[in-house]
Amino acid sequence: MQFKISKTSLLARYVDDIFRSEYHQTIGANFLIKEIDLNKIIDKCEMHDVDLIEDLKSKGFKLYFWDIGGQTDKLFVTEYYFIRALGAMVIFNVADKESFKDLDFWISKMKELSGEIPFILVGNKIDLENKRLVSAEEIKKKAEQYNVDYFETSAKLNESVDKAFEDLSIKILNNFK
């Protein structure tokens, strides 16, 4: 039995604070926007350019999300969305070993098309703990392999969703140094 990754549900939880329990496969890409309250995260950034900080505060900071379908056989439809990405969340389902195995493919494709952008690993669906198939040790090794941060989330329970997105936002902002 394969469980879907729920990238769309994770984004809906973060952007609109809703949980969508029904599954609709993403074909191509969906587009979402979230304005970030910089006052919550700017002090956590490693930015030292006072002018840049003030400019960001005055103009605001919006994250534009491309929720791309995870079908590798339809990748040509989504490759365009990688090209101008400033950061990425590479998401898998902790109850689906295949989605974890696919991480290397997606990270390789991201690096090929986007270059060296900041990204994080996100293990979603921790509410399915009793069906978990990906161990904490496997995930730790994968995060160390890519030298990235890792978060476990549940869109359903709204667990660590904001924290993961906040961390990615900080990494993107730090890249503007």
N, C-alpha and C. Protein backbone atom coordinates (compact mmCIF):
# COMPACT_ATOMS: atom_id res chain seq x y z
N MET A 1 0.84 -1.18 0.00
CA MET A 1 0.00 0.00 0.00
C MET A 1 0.89 1.25 0.00
N GLN A 2 0.64 2.14 -0.92
CA GLN A 2 1.44 3.35 -1.00
C GLN A 2 0.60 4.54 -0.52
N PHE A 3 1.18 5.34 0.35
CA PHE A 3 0.55 6.55 0.84
C PHE A 3 1.14 7.72 0.08
N LYS A 4 0.34 8.66 -0.29
CA LYS A 4 0.85 9.83 -1.01
C LYS A 4 1.65 10.70 -0.06
N ILE A 5 2.51 11.54 -0.63
CA ILE A 5 3.41 12.38 0.17
C ILE A 5 2.68 13.54 0.82
N SER A 6 1.66 14.07 0.15
CA SER A 6 0.85 15.19 0.66
C SER A 6 1.58 16.52 0.66
N LYS A 7 2.33 16.78 -0.42
CA LYS A 7 2.98 18.08 -0.57
C LYS A 7 1.93 19.19 -0.63
N THR A 8 0.85 18.93 -1.36
CA THR A 8 -0.22 19.92 -1.50
C THR A 8 -0.87 20.21 -0.16
N SER A 9 -1.11 19.18 0.63
CA SER A 9 -1.71 19.38 1.97
C SER A 9 -0.78 20.16 2.88
N LEU A 10 0.52 19.90 2.78
CA LEU A 10 1.50 20.62 3.59
C LEU A 10 1.49 22.11 3.23
N LEU A 11 1.47 22.40 1.93
CA LEU A 11 1.42 23.80 1.50
C LEU A 11 0.11 24.48 1.89
N ALA A 12 -1.01 23.77 1.74
CA ALA A 12 -2.31 24.34 2.12
C ALA A 12 -2.34 24.66 3.61
N ARG A 13 -1.73 23.79 4.41
CA ARG A 13 -1.69 24.03 5.85
C ARG A 13 -0.88 25.29 6.15
N TYR A 14 0.25 25.45 5.48
CA TYR A 14 1.11 26.60 5.74
C TYR A 14 0.54 27.90 5.18
N VAL A 15 0.09 27.87 3.96
CA VAL A 15 -0.36 29.10 3.29
C VAL A 15 -1.74 29.53 3.77
N ASP A 16 -2.69 28.58 3.86
CA ASP A 16 -4.08 28.93 4.18
C ASP A 16 -4.55 28.40 5.54
N ASP A 17 -3.68 27.71 6.27
CA ASP A 17 -4.01 27.09 7.55
C ASP A 17 -5.24 26.20 7.47
N ILE A 18 -5.28 25.39 6.42
CA ILE A 18 -6.36 24.40 6.28
C ILE A 18 -5.73 23.04 6.01
N PHE A 19 -6.47 21.99 6.32
CA PHE A 19 -6.03 20.64 6.00
C PHE A 19 -7.02 20.04 5.03
N ARG A 20 -6.50 19.57 3.93
CA ARG A 20 -7.34 18.91 2.92
C ARG A 20 -7.11 17.41 3.03
N SER A 21 -8.13 16.70 3.47
CA SER A 21 -7.96 15.26 3.66
C SER A 21 -8.15 14.49 2.36
N GLU A 22 -8.89 15.06 1.41
CA GLU A 22 -9.10 14.35 0.15
C GLU A 22 -7.85 14.48 -0.72
N TYR A 23 -7.56 13.43 -1.47
CA TYR A 23 -6.35 13.41 -2.29
C TYR A 23 -6.69 13.75 -3.73
N HIS A 24 -5.93 14.70 -4.28
CA HIS A 24 -6.01 15.04 -5.70
C HIS A 24 -4.58 15.10 -6.21
N GLN A 25 -4.24 14.23 -7.12
CA GLN A 25 -2.88 14.19 -7.65
C GLN A 25 -2.57 15.49 -8.38
N THR A 26 -1.40 16.07 -8.08
CA THR A 26 -0.97 17.28 -8.76
C THR A 26 -0.38 16.90 -10.11
N ILE A 27 -0.97 17.42 -11.16
CA ILE A 27 -0.45 17.24 -12.51
C ILE A 27 0.11 18.59 -12.92
N GLY A 28 1.37 18.62 -13.30
CA GLY A 28 2.01 19.90 -13.61
C GLY A 28 2.40 20.58 -12.32
N ALA A 29 1.81 21.76 -12.07
CA ALA A 29 2.18 22.51 -10.86
C ALA A 29 1.03 23.39 -10.40
N ASN A 30 0.95 23.58 -9.10
CA ASN A 30 0.05 24.56 -8.49
C ASN A 30 0.91 25.70 -7.98
N PHE A 31 0.33 26.88 -7.90
CA PHE A 31 1.07 28.07 -7.50
C PHE A 31 0.41 28.67 -6.27
N LEU A 32 1.21 28.94 -5.22
CA LEU A 32 0.70 29.55 -4.00
C LEU A 32 1.66 30.64 -3.54
N ILE A 33 1.13 31.62 -2.82
CA ILE A 33 1.95 32.73 -2.31
C ILE A 33 1.68 32.89 -0.82
N LYS A 34 2.75 33.15 -0.07
CA LYS A 34 2.63 33.41 1.37
C LYS A 34 3.52 34.59 1.71
N GLU A 35 2.92 35.62 2.30
CA GLU A 35 3.71 36.75 2.77
C GLU A 35 4.27 36.41 4.15
N ILE A 36 5.56 36.62 4.31
CA ILE A 36 6.25 36.27 5.54
C ILE A 36 6.38 37.49 6.43
N ASP A 37 6.10 37.32 7.70
CA ASP A 37 6.32 38.39 8.68
C ASP A 37 7.80 38.37 9.03
N LEU A 38 8.55 39.28 8.43
CA LEU A 38 10.00 39.31 8.63
C LEU A 38 10.39 39.60 10.07
N ASN A 39 9.55 40.28 10.80
CA ASN A 39 9.88 40.59 12.19
C ASN A 39 10.05 39.31 13.02
N LYS A 40 9.39 38.23 12.59
CA LYS A 40 9.50 36.96 13.31
C LYS A 40 10.81 36.24 13.03
N ILE A 41 11.40 36.49 11.86
CA ILE A 41 12.56 35.67 11.49
C ILE A 41 13.84 36.46 11.22
N ILE A 42 13.75 37.77 11.04
CA ILE A 42 14.94 38.52 10.61
C ILE A 42 16.09 38.42 11.62
N ASP A 43 15.77 38.35 12.91
CA ASP A 43 16.83 38.25 13.92
C ASP A 43 17.53 36.90 13.90
N LYS A 44 16.90 35.90 13.29
CA LYS A 44 17.50 34.58 13.20
C LYS A 44 18.39 34.44 11.96
N CYS A 45 18.34 35.44 11.09
CA CYS A 45 19.13 35.41 9.86
C CYS A 45 20.56 35.83 10.14
N GLU A 46 21.44 35.42 9.26
CA GLU A 46 22.85 35.78 9.37
C GLU A 46 23.16 36.93 8.42
N MET A 47 22.25 37.87 8.33
CA MET A 47 22.42 39.01 7.44
C MET A 47 23.03 40.16 8.23
N HIS A 48 24.04 40.79 7.66
CA HIS A 48 24.72 41.88 8.35
C HIS A 48 24.61 43.19 7.58
N ASP A 49 24.02 43.14 6.40
CA ASP A 49 23.85 44.33 5.59
C ASP A 49 22.59 45.06 6.07
N VAL A 50 22.79 46.11 6.84
CA VAL A 50 21.68 46.85 7.45
C VAL A 50 20.75 47.41 6.38
N ASP A 51 21.31 47.90 5.28
CA ASP A 51 20.47 48.45 4.21
C ASP A 51 19.58 47.37 3.60
N LEU A 52 20.13 46.18 3.40
CA LEU A 52 19.35 45.08 2.85
C LEU A 52 18.24 44.68 3.81
N ILE A 53 18.55 44.61 5.09
CA ILE A 53 17.55 44.25 6.10
C ILE A 53 16.41 45.27 6.10
N GLU A 54 16.75 46.55 6.10
CA GLU A 54 15.72 47.60 6.09
C GLU A 54 14.90 47.57 4.81
N ASP A 55 15.57 47.30 3.68
CA ASP A 55 14.88 47.20 2.40
C ASP A 55 13.88 46.04 2.42
N LEU A 56 14.31 44.91 2.94
CA LEU A 56 13.41 43.75 3.04
C LEU A 56 12.23 44.04 3.96
N LYS A 57 12.51 44.69 5.08
CA LYS A 57 11.43 45.01 6.02
C LYS A 57 10.42 45.97 5.41
N SER A 58 10.91 46.95 4.65
CA SER A 58 10.00 47.94 4.07
C SER A 58 9.19 47.36 2.91
N LYS A 59 9.79 46.46 2.15
CA LYS A 59 9.10 45.89 0.99
C LYS A 59 8.35 44.62 1.32
N GLY A 60 8.74 43.96 2.39
CA GLY A 60 8.13 42.69 2.73
C GLY A 60 8.84 41.54 2.03
N PHE A 61 8.43 40.37 2.35
CA PHE A 61 9.06 39.17 1.81
C PHE A 61 7.96 38.16 1.53
N LYS A 62 7.84 37.76 0.29
CA LYS A 62 6.83 36.79 -0.09
C LYS A 62 7.50 35.54 -0.61
N LEU A 63 6.97 34.42 -0.21
CA LEU A 63 7.42 33.15 -0.76
C LEU A 63 6.43 32.72 -1.83
N TYR A 64 6.96 32.36 -2.98
CA TYR A 64 6.15 31.86 -4.08
C TYR A 64 6.43 30.37 -4.19
N PHE A 65 5.40 29.58 -4.05
CA PHE A 65 5.56 28.13 -4.04
C PHE A 65 5.05 27.53 -5.33
N TRP A 66 5.85 26.67 -5.89
CA TRP A 66 5.42 25.83 -6.99
C TRP A 66 5.29 24.43 -6.41
N ASP A 67 4.06 23.98 -6.30
CA ASP A 67 3.77 22.63 -5.82
C ASP A 67 3.75 21.74 -7.05
N ILE A 68 4.86 21.05 -7.29
CA ILE A 68 4.96 20.26 -8.52
C ILE A 68 4.56 18.82 -8.28
N GLY A 69 4.00 18.22 -9.31
CA GLY A 69 3.63 16.81 -9.24
C GLY A 69 4.87 15.95 -9.08
N GLY A 70 4.74 14.83 -8.44
CA GLY A 70 5.88 13.98 -8.15
C GLY A 70 6.07 12.84 -9.14
N GLN A 71 5.40 12.91 -10.29
CA GLN A 71 5.51 11.83 -11.25
C GLN A 71 6.77 12.01 -12.09
N THR A 72 7.70 11.09 -11.97
CA THR A 72 8.95 11.19 -12.73
C THR A 72 8.71 10.99 -14.22
N ASP A 73 7.64 10.31 -14.60
CA ASP A 73 7.37 10.09 -16.02
C ASP A 73 6.79 11.34 -16.69
N LYS A 74 6.40 12.34 -15.90
CA LYS A 74 5.88 13.60 -16.45
C LYS A 74 6.78 14.77 -16.08
N LEU A 75 8.04 14.49 -15.85
CA LEU A 75 8.97 15.51 -15.37
C LEU A 75 9.12 16.67 -16.34
N PHE A 76 9.01 16.41 -17.63
CA PHE A 76 9.15 17.49 -18.62
C PHE A 76 8.15 18.61 -18.37
N VAL A 77 7.03 18.30 -17.77
CA VAL A 77 6.00 19.30 -17.49
C VAL A 77 6.44 20.24 -16.37
N THR A 78 7.28 19.75 -15.45
CA THR A 78 7.62 20.53 -14.25
C THR A 78 9.04 21.08 -14.21
N GLU A 79 9.88 20.67 -15.14
CA GLU A 79 11.28 21.11 -15.09
C GLU A 79 11.43 22.63 -15.09
N TYR A 80 10.57 23.32 -15.79
CA TYR A 80 10.61 24.78 -15.86
C TYR A 80 10.59 25.41 -14.47
N TYR A 81 9.84 24.82 -13.56
CA TYR A 81 9.65 25.41 -12.23
C TYR A 81 10.89 25.31 -11.36
N PHE A 82 11.80 24.44 -11.70
CA PHE A 82 13.05 24.32 -10.96
C PHE A 82 14.02 25.46 -11.27
N ILE A 83 13.99 25.94 -12.48
CA ILE A 83 15.06 26.78 -13.02
C ILE A 83 15.30 28.06 -12.22
N ARG A 84 14.27 28.73 -11.78
CA ARG A 84 14.46 29.99 -11.07
C ARG A 84 14.20 29.88 -9.58
N ALA A 85 14.23 28.68 -9.07
CA ALA A 85 13.97 28.46 -7.64
C ALA A 85 15.11 29.04 -6.80
N LEU A 86 14.74 29.64 -5.68
CA LEU A 86 15.72 30.18 -4.73
C LEU A 86 15.91 29.27 -3.53
N GLY A 87 15.04 28.30 -3.39
CA GLY A 87 15.11 27.36 -2.29
C GLY A 87 14.12 26.24 -2.54
N ALA A 88 14.26 25.15 -1.79
CA ALA A 88 13.37 24.01 -2.01
C ALA A 88 13.18 23.20 -0.74
N MET A 89 12.01 22.59 -0.67
CA MET A 89 11.69 21.59 0.33
C MET A 89 11.60 20.28 -0.43
N VAL A 90 12.40 19.33 -0.06
CA VAL A 90 12.32 18.02 -0.69
C VAL A 90 11.59 17.13 0.31
N ILE A 91 10.39 16.73 -0.07
CA ILE A 91 9.45 16.12 0.87
C ILE A 91 9.24 14.64 0.56
N PHE A 92 9.16 13.85 1.61
CA PHE A 92 8.82 12.43 1.48
C PHE A 92 7.85 12.07 2.59
N ASN A 93 7.24 10.91 2.44
CA ASN A 93 6.27 10.40 3.39
C ASN A 93 6.97 9.37 4.27
N VAL A 94 6.95 9.56 5.57
CA VAL A 94 7.65 8.64 6.48
C VAL A 94 7.03 7.24 6.47
N ALA A 95 5.82 7.09 5.92
CA ALA A 95 5.16 5.79 5.84
C ALA A 95 5.27 5.18 4.44
N ASP A 96 6.13 5.76 3.60
CA ASP A 96 6.28 5.29 2.22
C ASP A 96 7.76 5.24 1.86
N LYS A 97 8.32 4.05 1.90
CA LYS A 97 9.75 3.85 1.65
C LYS A 97 10.15 4.31 0.24
N GLU A 98 9.27 4.12 -0.73
CA GLU A 98 9.59 4.52 -2.11
C GLU A 98 9.78 6.03 -2.22
N SER A 99 8.97 6.80 -1.52
CA SER A 99 9.12 8.26 -1.58
C SER A 99 10.47 8.68 -0.98
N PHE A 100 10.93 7.94 0.02
CA PHE A 100 12.25 8.21 0.60
C PHE A 100 13.36 7.85 -0.38
N LYS A 101 13.21 6.71 -1.05
CA LYS A 101 14.21 6.29 -2.04
C LYS A 101 14.29 7.27 -3.20
N ASP A 102 13.19 7.94 -3.51
CA ASP A 102 13.15 8.91 -4.62
C ASP A 102 13.88 10.22 -4.30
N LEU A 103 14.25 10.44 -3.04
CA LEU A 103 14.90 11.71 -2.66
C LEU A 103 16.15 11.99 -3.49
N ASP A 104 16.99 10.99 -3.69
CA ASP A 104 18.22 11.21 -4.46
C ASP A 104 17.92 11.70 -5.87
N PHE A 105 16.90 11.11 -6.50
CA PHE A 105 16.51 11.55 -7.84
C PHE A 105 16.09 13.02 -7.83
N TRP A 106 15.20 13.38 -6.89
CA TRP A 106 14.68 14.75 -6.87
C TRP A 106 15.76 15.77 -6.50
N ILE A 107 16.64 15.41 -5.59
CA ILE A 107 17.73 16.33 -5.21
C ILE A 107 18.69 16.50 -6.38
N SER A 108 18.99 15.43 -7.07
CA SER A 108 19.86 15.51 -8.25
C SER A 108 19.24 16.39 -9.33
N LYS A 109 17.95 16.20 -9.58
CA LYS A 109 17.24 17.00 -10.59
C LYS A 109 17.21 18.47 -10.17
N MET A 110 16.95 18.72 -8.89
CA MET A 110 16.92 20.09 -8.38
C MET A 110 18.28 20.77 -8.59
N LYS A 111 19.35 20.08 -8.23
CA LYS A 111 20.69 20.66 -8.36
C LYS A 111 21.05 20.88 -9.83
N GLU A 112 20.66 19.96 -10.67
CA GLU A 112 20.93 20.08 -12.10
C GLU A 112 20.25 21.32 -12.69
N LEU A 113 19.01 21.57 -12.30
CA LEU A 113 18.23 22.65 -12.90
C LEU A 113 18.28 23.95 -12.12
N SER A 114 18.48 23.88 -10.80
CA SER A 114 18.44 25.09 -9.96
C SER A 114 19.81 25.51 -9.47
N GLY A 115 20.79 24.65 -9.56
CA GLY A 115 22.11 24.95 -9.01
C GLY A 115 22.14 24.66 -7.52
N GLU A 116 23.07 25.29 -6.84
CA GLU A 116 23.24 25.06 -5.40
C GLU A 116 22.36 26.03 -4.61
N ILE A 117 21.09 25.69 -4.50
CA ILE A 117 20.15 26.51 -3.73
C ILE A 117 19.96 25.89 -2.36
N PRO A 118 19.56 26.70 -1.37
CA PRO A 118 19.28 26.12 -0.05
C PRO A 118 18.06 25.21 -0.12
N PHE A 119 18.13 24.09 0.58
CA PHE A 119 16.97 23.22 0.66
C PHE A 119 16.98 22.47 1.99
N ILE A 120 15.83 21.94 2.32
CA ILE A 120 15.68 21.13 3.53
C ILE A 120 14.95 19.84 3.15
N LEU A 121 15.15 18.83 3.96
CA LEU A 121 14.39 17.59 3.82
C LEU A 121 13.22 17.63 4.79
N VAL A 122 12.07 17.17 4.32
CA VAL A 122 10.88 17.15 5.16
C VAL A 122 10.24 15.77 5.08
N GLY A 123 10.15 15.12 6.23
CA GLY A 123 9.43 13.86 6.33
C GLY A 123 8.02 14.17 6.80
N ASN A 124 7.06 14.00 5.92
CA ASN A 124 5.67 14.36 6.23
C ASN A 124 4.89 13.11 6.68
N LYS A 125 3.73 13.36 7.21
CA LYS A 125 2.79 12.35 7.66
C LYS A 125 3.25 11.62 8.92
N ILE A 126 3.84 12.36 9.85
CA ILE A 126 4.24 11.71 11.10
C ILE A 126 3.04 11.29 11.94
N ASP A 127 1.85 11.73 11.54
CA ASP A 127 0.63 11.26 12.21
C ASP A 127 0.39 9.78 11.91
N LEU A 128 1.09 9.22 10.93
CA LEU A 128 0.99 7.80 10.61
C LEU A 128 2.12 7.01 11.27
N GLU A 129 2.50 7.40 12.45
CA GLU A 129 3.64 6.81 13.16
C GLU A 129 3.55 5.28 13.23
N ASN A 130 2.36 4.76 13.42
CA ASN A 130 2.21 3.30 13.51
C ASN A 130 2.42 2.61 12.17
N LYS A 131 2.49 3.38 11.08
CA LYS A 131 2.74 2.82 9.75
C LYS A 131 4.10 3.25 9.21
N ARG A 132 4.90 3.85 10.05
CA ARG A 132 6.20 4.39 9.65
C ARG A 132 7.10 3.29 9.06
N LEU A 133 7.71 3.59 7.91
CA LEU A 133 8.61 2.65 7.25
C LEU A 133 10.02 3.20 7.08
N VAL A 134 10.20 4.49 7.33
CA VAL A 134 11.52 5.12 7.19
C VAL A 134 12.02 5.45 8.59
N SER A 135 13.15 4.86 8.96
CA SER A 135 13.67 5.03 10.32
C SER A 135 14.36 6.37 10.50
N ALA A 136 14.42 6.79 11.74
CA ALA A 136 15.11 8.05 12.08
C ALA A 136 16.58 7.97 11.68
N GLU A 137 17.18 6.81 11.80
CA GLU A 137 18.59 6.63 11.44
C GLU A 137 18.81 6.81 9.93
N GLU A 138 17.91 6.26 9.13
CA GLU A 138 18.01 6.43 7.66
C GLU A 138 17.91 7.90 7.28
N ILE A 139 16.99 8.58 7.92
CA ILE A 139 16.77 9.99 7.61
C ILE A 139 17.97 10.82 8.04
N LYS A 140 18.50 10.52 9.21
CA LYS A 140 19.68 11.24 9.69
C LYS A 140 20.84 11.09 8.72
N LYS A 141 21.06 9.87 8.23
CA LYS A 141 22.14 9.63 7.27
C LYS A 141 21.92 10.42 5.98
N LYS A 142 20.69 10.45 5.51
CA LYS A 142 20.38 11.18 4.27
C LYS A 142 20.61 12.67 4.47
N ALA A 143 20.18 13.22 5.59
CA ALA A 143 20.38 14.65 5.86
C ALA A 143 21.88 14.96 5.96
N GLU A 144 22.64 14.07 6.58
CA GLU A 144 24.09 14.27 6.68
C GLU A 144 24.76 14.15 5.31
N GLN A 145 24.27 13.25 4.48
CA GLN A 145 24.81 13.07 3.13
C GLN A 145 24.75 14.37 2.35
N TYR A 146 23.64 15.08 2.49
CA TYR A 146 23.45 16.33 1.75
C TYR A 146 23.77 17.57 2.59
N ASN A 147 24.13 17.36 3.84
CA ASN A 147 24.44 18.46 4.75
C ASN A 147 23.30 19.48 4.82
N VAL A 148 22.11 18.96 5.09
CA VAL A 148 20.91 19.80 5.17
C VAL A 148 20.15 19.53 6.46
N ASP A 149 19.28 20.47 6.80
CA ASP A 149 18.41 20.28 7.95
C ASP A 149 17.25 19.38 7.56
N TYR A 150 16.69 18.72 8.57
CA TYR A 150 15.60 17.80 8.36
C TYR A 150 14.48 18.08 9.37
N PHE A 151 13.26 18.06 8.88
CA PHE A 151 12.09 18.29 9.73
C PHE A 151 11.08 17.17 9.52
N GLU A 152 10.41 16.80 10.59
CA GLU A 152 9.28 15.88 10.49
C GLU A 152 8.02 16.68 10.73
N THR A 153 7.06 16.52 9.82
CA THR A 153 5.85 17.33 9.88
C THR A 153 4.59 16.47 9.76
N SER A 154 3.49 17.09 10.12
CA SER A 154 2.17 16.53 9.86
C SER A 154 1.27 17.68 9.45
N ALA A 155 0.85 17.66 8.19
CA ALA A 155 -0.10 18.67 7.74
C ALA A 155 -1.44 18.47 8.46
N LYS A 156 -1.79 17.23 8.69
CA LYS A 156 -3.05 16.91 9.36
C LYS A 156 -3.10 17.49 10.76
N LEU A 157 -2.03 17.29 11.54
CA LEU A 157 -1.99 17.76 12.93
C LEU A 157 -1.37 19.15 13.07
N ASN A 158 -0.94 19.72 11.97
CA ASN A 158 -0.25 21.01 11.94
C ASN A 158 0.98 20.99 12.86
N GLU A 159 1.74 19.92 12.75
CA GLU A 159 2.93 19.76 13.59
C GLU A 159 4.20 20.10 12.81
N SER A 160 4.93 21.08 13.33
CA SER A 160 6.23 21.53 12.79
C SER A 160 6.15 22.09 11.37
N VAL A 161 4.96 22.38 10.89
CA VAL A 161 4.82 22.91 9.53
C VAL A 161 5.43 24.30 9.45
N ASP A 162 5.01 25.21 10.34
CA ASP A 162 5.55 26.57 10.32
C ASP A 162 7.06 26.57 10.55
N LYS A 163 7.52 25.71 11.44
CA LYS A 163 8.94 25.65 11.76
C LYS A 163 9.77 25.29 10.52
N ALA A 164 9.32 24.33 9.74
CA ALA A 164 10.05 23.92 8.54
C ALA A 164 10.09 25.05 7.51
N PHE A 165 8.95 25.69 7.30
CA PHE A 165 8.90 26.78 6.32
C PHE A 165 9.71 27.99 6.80
N GLU A 166 9.68 28.25 8.10
CA GLU A 166 10.48 29.35 8.65
C GLU A 166 11.97 29.08 8.44
N ASP A 167 12.39 27.86 8.68
CA ASP A 167 13.79 27.50 8.49
C ASP A 167 14.21 27.69 7.03
N LEU A 168 13.37 27.25 6.11
CA LEU A 168 13.69 27.43 4.69
C LEU A 168 13.74 28.91 4.33
N SER A 169 12.82 29.70 4.86
CA SER A 169 12.81 31.15 4.60
C SER A 169 14.11 31.79 5.07
N ILE A 170 14.57 31.41 6.24
CA ILE A 170 15.83 31.95 6.77
C ILE A 170 17.00 31.57 5.87
N LYS A 171 17.01 30.33 5.41
CA LYS A 171 18.09 29.88 4.52
C LYS A 171 18.08 30.67 3.21
N ILE A 172 16.91 30.93 2.68
CA ILE A 172 16.80 31.71 1.44
C ILE A 172 17.30 33.13 1.68
N LEU A 173 16.85 33.74 2.78
CA LEU A 173 17.30 35.11 3.09
C LEU A 173 18.81 35.16 3.32
N ASN A 174 19.35 34.18 4.00
CA ASN A 174 20.80 34.15 4.24
C ASN A 174 21.59 34.03 2.94
N ASN A 175 20.97 33.48 1.93
CA ASN A 175 21.63 33.34 0.63
C ASN A 175 21.76 34.69 -0.09
N PHE A 176 21.03 35.71 0.38
CA PHE A 176 21.07 37.05 -0.22
C PHE A 176 22.22 37.88 0.29
N LYS A 177 23.03 37.37 1.19
CA LYS A 177 24.12 38.14 1.80
C LYS A 177 24.97 38.85 0.77
